[in-house]
Amino acid sequence: MAGLKAGAPTPEALTVHEASRVLEVHFSDGSQFRLPFELMRVYSPSAEVQGHGPGQEVLQTGKRDVTLVDLEPVGNYAVKPVFSDGHDSGIFSWDYLYELGRNQDALWAEYFERLAAAGVDRDAPMVAKGGGHACGSH
């Protein structure tokens, strides 16, 4: 999901709604999505969140009130959000934004299932594990 797929819809408009904490994206195929900042933060494509392979994902908590501090363009294929909690290493390609929008109901359900399985509250602060992450990719 991280790269730009040939023929994939591209954004025609991106609007940051600070008060409601959503990124509104209008795509070339007519699709429109309102992506909550929390969903974007929880599913950031960064190694810090996704790990370096299956099973290495880091469950994100305490992100309900996260905001966007900046939304930086990355070439003609992506944006890099800077979140209020300091997270800024996820590059969201156009196709990844599209997939988040198209699948957000399922992604929310998966997130809540992961929280329940871990016995963690959505609003719990993040807990540092081990000695930190030193892959150098972020």
C-alpha atoms as a PDB file:
ATOM      1  CA  MET A   1       0.000   0.000   0.000  1.00  0.00           C
ATOM      2  CA  ALA A   2       2.928   2.367   0.413  1.00  0.00           C
ATOM      3  CA  GLY A   3       3.688   3.086  -3.253  1.00  0.00           C
ATOM      4  CA  LEU A   4       1.746   4.844  -5.962  1.00  0.00           C
ATOM      5  CA  LYS A   5      -0.064   2.312  -8.129  1.00  0.00           C
ATOM      6  CA  ALA A   6      -0.373   2.972 -11.865  1.00  0.00           C
ATOM      7  CA  GLY A   7      -3.840   4.238 -12.718  1.00  0.00           C
ATOM      8  CA  ALA A   8      -4.784   4.768  -9.068  1.00  0.00           C
ATOM      9  CA  PRO A   9      -7.008   7.740  -8.232  1.00  0.00           C
ATOM     10  CA  THR A  10      -5.114  10.863  -7.223  1.00  0.00           C
ATOM     11  CA  PRO A  11      -6.227  13.638  -4.872  1.00  0.00           C
ATOM     12  CA  GLU A  12      -7.754  16.707  -6.459  1.00  0.00           C
ATOM     13  CA  ALA A  13      -8.187  18.510  -3.135  1.00  0.00           C
ATOM     14  CA  LEU A  14      -6.890  18.108   0.414  1.00  0.00           C
ATOM     15  CA  THR A  15      -8.533  20.102   3.179  1.00  0.00           C
ATOM     16  CA  VAL A  16      -7.416  20.077   6.806  1.00  0.00           C
ATOM     17  CA  HIS A  17     -10.357  20.617   9.172  1.00  0.00           C
ATOM     18  CA  GLU A  18      -8.710  21.548  12.464  1.00  0.00           C
ATOM     19  CA  ALA A  19     -11.880  21.847  14.590  1.00  0.00           C
ATOM     20  CA  SER A  20     -13.227  18.397  13.639  1.00  0.00           C
ATOM     21  CA  ARG A  21      -9.708  16.913  13.335  1.00  0.00           C
ATOM     22  CA  VAL A  22     -10.185  15.363   9.894  1.00  0.00           C
ATOM     23  CA  LEU A  23      -8.387  15.471   6.570  1.00  0.00           C
ATOM     24  CA  GLU A  24     -10.881  15.705   3.727  1.00  0.00           C
ATOM     25  CA  VAL A  25      -9.616  14.208   0.471  1.00  0.00           C
ATOM     26  CA  HIS A  26     -11.346  14.448  -2.922  1.00  0.00           C
ATOM     27  CA  PHE A  27     -10.028  11.949  -5.465  1.00  0.00           C
ATOM     28  CA  SER A  28     -10.004  11.996  -9.263  1.00  0.00           C
ATOM     29  CA  ASP A  29     -12.506   9.102  -9.440  1.00  0.00           C
ATOM     30  CA  GLY A  30     -15.113  11.147  -7.537  1.00  0.00           C
ATOM     31  CA  SER A  31     -14.491   9.478  -4.167  1.00  0.00           C
ATOM     32  CA  GLN A  32     -14.398  11.712  -1.120  1.00  0.00           C
ATOM     33  CA  PHE A  33     -13.144  10.702   2.303  1.00  0.00           C
ATOM     34  CA  ARG A  34     -12.964  12.364   5.693  1.00  0.00           C
ATOM     35  CA  LEU A  35     -10.008  10.801   7.470  1.00  0.00           C
ATOM     36  CA  PRO A  36      -9.848  11.443  11.218  1.00  0.00           C
ATOM     37  CA  PHE A  37      -6.381  12.488  12.343  1.00  0.00           C
ATOM     38  CA  GLU A  38      -6.534   9.752  14.986  1.00  0.00           C
ATOM     39  CA  LEU A  39      -7.053   7.067  12.317  1.00  0.00           C
ATOM     40  CA  MET A  40      -4.163   8.456  10.281  1.00  0.00           C
ATOM     41  CA  ARG A  41      -1.910   8.509  13.351  1.00  0.00           C
ATOM     42  CA  VAL A  42      -2.875   4.998  14.479  1.00  0.00           C
ATOM     43  CA  TYR A  43      -2.286   3.603  10.972  1.00  0.00           C
ATOM     44  CA  SER A  44       0.748   5.703  10.075  1.00  0.00           C
ATOM     45  CA  PRO A  45       2.827   3.810   7.500  1.00  0.00           C
ATOM     46  CA  SER A  46       6.026   4.607   9.417  1.00  0.00           C
ATOM     47  CA  ALA A  47       8.366   1.925  10.767  1.00  0.00           C
ATOM     48  CA  GLU A  48       7.764   3.410  14.229  1.00  0.00           C
ATOM     49  CA  VAL A  49       4.116   2.281  13.998  1.00  0.00           C
ATOM     50  CA  GLN A  50       4.189  -0.605  11.491  1.00  0.00           C
ATOM     51  CA  GLY A  51       7.492  -2.131  12.516  1.00  0.00           C
ATOM     52  CA  HIS A  52       9.726  -3.769   9.946  1.00  0.00           C
ATOM     53  CA  GLY A  53       7.520  -6.763   9.236  1.00  0.00           C
ATOM     54  CA  PRO A  54       4.336  -8.609  10.160  1.00  0.00           C
ATOM     55  CA  GLY A  55       3.806  -8.927  13.893  1.00  0.00           C
ATOM     56  CA  GLN A  56       6.031  -5.950  14.722  1.00  0.00           C
ATOM     57  CA  GLU A  57       3.234  -3.367  14.712  1.00  0.00           C
ATOM     58  CA  VAL A  58       3.133  -1.046  17.719  1.00  0.00           C
ATOM     59  CA  LEU A  59      -0.370  -0.539  19.106  1.00  0.00           C
ATOM     60  CA  GLN A  60      -0.992   3.205  19.305  1.00  0.00           C
ATOM     61  CA  THR A  61      -2.969   4.662  22.205  1.00  0.00           C
ATOM     62  CA  GLY A  62      -3.746   8.133  23.471  1.00  0.00           C
ATOM     63  CA  LYS A  63      -4.187   9.533  19.952  1.00  0.00           C
ATOM     64  CA  ARG A  64      -7.864  10.573  20.048  1.00  0.00           C
ATOM     65  CA  ASP A  65      -7.047  14.289  20.353  1.00  0.00           C
ATOM     66  CA  VAL A  66      -4.006  14.364  18.077  1.00  0.00           C
ATOM     67  CA  THR A  67      -3.985  17.216  15.575  1.00  0.00           C
ATOM     68  CA  LEU A  68      -2.060  18.023  12.410  1.00  0.00           C
ATOM     69  CA  VAL A  69       0.633  20.632  12.900  1.00  0.00           C
ATOM     70  CA  ASP A  70       1.688  20.511   9.238  1.00  0.00           C
ATOM     71  CA  LEU A  71       1.009  18.593   6.048  1.00  0.00           C
ATOM     72  CA  GLU A  72       4.103  18.561   3.850  1.00  0.00           C
ATOM     73  CA  PRO A  73       4.028  17.520   0.174  1.00  0.00           C
ATOM     74  CA  VAL A  74       6.343  14.670  -0.845  1.00  0.00           C
ATOM     75  CA  GLY A  75       6.957  14.953  -4.564  1.00  0.00           C
ATOM     76  CA  ASN A  76       3.805  14.410  -6.611  1.00  0.00           C
ATOM     77  CA  TYR A  77       2.855  11.162  -4.902  1.00  0.00           C
ATOM     78  CA  ALA A  78       2.357  11.696  -1.152  1.00  0.00           C
ATOM     79  CA  VAL A  79       2.104  13.911   1.905  1.00  0.00           C
ATOM     80  CA  LYS A  80       3.929  13.749   5.213  1.00  0.00           C
ATOM     81  CA  PRO A  81       1.763  14.801   8.149  1.00  0.00           C
ATOM     82  CA  VAL A  82       3.357  16.275  11.239  1.00  0.00           C
ATOM     83  CA  PHE A  83       1.197  15.356  14.227  1.00  0.00           C
ATOM     84  CA  SER A  84       0.875  17.271  17.491  1.00  0.00           C
ATOM     85  CA  ASP A  85       2.444  14.372  19.425  1.00  0.00           C
ATOM     86  CA  GLY A  86       5.670  14.857  17.450  1.00  0.00           C
ATOM     87  CA  HIS A  87       5.182  11.929  15.060  1.00  0.00           C
ATOM     88  CA  ASP A  88       6.396  12.969  11.602  1.00  0.00           C
ATOM     89  CA  SER A  89       7.925   9.907   9.971  1.00  0.00           C
ATOM     90  CA  GLY A  90       4.945   8.513   8.044  1.00  0.00           C
ATOM     91  CA  ILE A  91       4.709   9.181   4.314  1.00  0.00           C
ATOM     92  CA  PHE A  92       1.116   8.790   3.128  1.00  0.00           C
ATOM     93  CA  SER A  93       1.032   8.029  -0.604  1.00  0.00           C
ATOM     94  CA  TRP A  94      -2.106   8.865  -2.551  1.00  0.00           C
ATOM     95  CA  ASP A  95      -3.074   5.183  -2.765  1.00  0.00           C
ATOM     96  CA  TYR A  96      -2.513   4.724   0.985  1.00  0.00           C
ATOM     97  CA  LEU A  97      -4.813   7.685   1.735  1.00  0.00           C
ATOM     98  CA  TYR A  98      -7.373   6.163  -0.636  1.00  0.00           C
ATOM     99  CA  GLU A  99      -7.148   2.774   1.098  1.00  0.00           C
ATOM    100  CA  LEU A 100      -7.505   4.407   4.536  1.00  0.00           C
ATOM    101  CA  GLY A 101     -10.613   6.210   3.336  1.00  0.00           C
ATOM    102  CA  ARG A 102     -12.152   3.250   1.564  1.00  0.00           C
ATOM    103  CA  ASN A 103     -11.503   0.858   4.450  1.00  0.00           C
ATOM    104  CA  GLN A 104     -11.850   3.112   7.466  1.00  0.00           C
ATOM    105  CA  ASP A 105     -14.829   1.274   9.000  1.00  0.00           C
ATOM    106  CA  ALA A 106     -12.915  -2.029   8.918  1.00  0.00           C
ATOM    107  CA  LEU A 107      -9.730  -0.325  10.141  1.00  0.00           C
ATOM    108  CA  TRP A 108     -11.554   1.222  13.105  1.00  0.00           C
ATOM    109  CA  ALA A 109     -13.037  -2.195  13.974  1.00  0.00           C
ATOM    110  CA  GLU A 110      -9.593  -3.815  13.733  1.00  0.00           C
ATOM    111  CA  TYR A 111      -8.091  -1.098  15.937  1.00  0.00           C
ATOM    112  CA  PHE A 112     -10.742  -1.542  18.631  1.00  0.00           C
ATOM    113  CA  GLU A 113     -10.277  -5.339  18.492  1.00  0.00           C
ATOM    114  CA  ARG A 114      -6.512  -4.935  18.942  1.00  0.00           C
ATOM    115  CA  LEU A 115      -7.081  -2.618  21.917  1.00  0.00           C
ATOM    116  CA  ALA A 116      -9.476  -5.107  23.511  1.00  0.00           C
ATOM    117  CA  ALA A 117      -7.119  -8.037  22.904  1.00  0.00           C
ATOM    118  CA  ALA A 118      -4.285  -6.086  24.541  1.00  0.00           C
ATOM    119  CA  GLY A 119      -6.513  -5.009  27.439  1.00  0.00           C
ATOM    120  CA  VAL A 120      -5.615  -1.388  26.764  1.00  0.00           C
ATOM    121  CA  ASP A 121      -7.842   1.675  26.744  1.00  0.00           C
ATOM    122  CA  ARG A 122      -7.911   3.812  23.594  1.00  0.00           C
ATOM    123  CA  ASP A 123      -7.026   6.907  25.613  1.00  0.00           C
ATOM    124  CA  ALA A 124      -4.244   5.333  27.683  1.00  0.00           C
ATOM    125  CA  PRO A 125      -0.898   7.077  27.274  1.00  0.00           C
ATOM    126  CA  MET A 126       1.690   5.301  25.148  1.00  0.00           C
ATOM    127  CA  VAL A 127       4.071   3.166  27.186  1.00  0.00           C
ATOM    128  CA  ALA A 128       7.696   2.976  26.121  1.00  0.00           C
ATOM    129  CA  LYS A 129       8.841  -0.611  25.597  1.00  0.00           C
ATOM    130  CA  GLY A 130      12.358  -1.871  25.986  1.00  0.00           C
ATOM    131  CA  GLY A 131      15.287   0.389  25.302  1.00  0.00           C
ATOM    132  CA  GLY A 132      13.729   2.236  22.404  1.00  0.00           C
ATOM    133  CA  HIS A 133      13.852   1.736  18.685  1.00  0.00           C
ATOM    134  CA  ALA A 134      17.161   2.240  16.932  1.00  0.00           C
ATOM    135  CA  CYS A 135      16.643   1.249  13.321  1.00  0.00           C
ATOM    136  CA  GLY A 136      17.678   4.669  12.063  1.00  0.00           C
ATOM    137  CA  SER A 137      14.791   4.842   9.565  1.00  0.00           C
ATOM    138  CA  HIS A 138      13.061   7.726  11.313  1.00  0.00           C
END
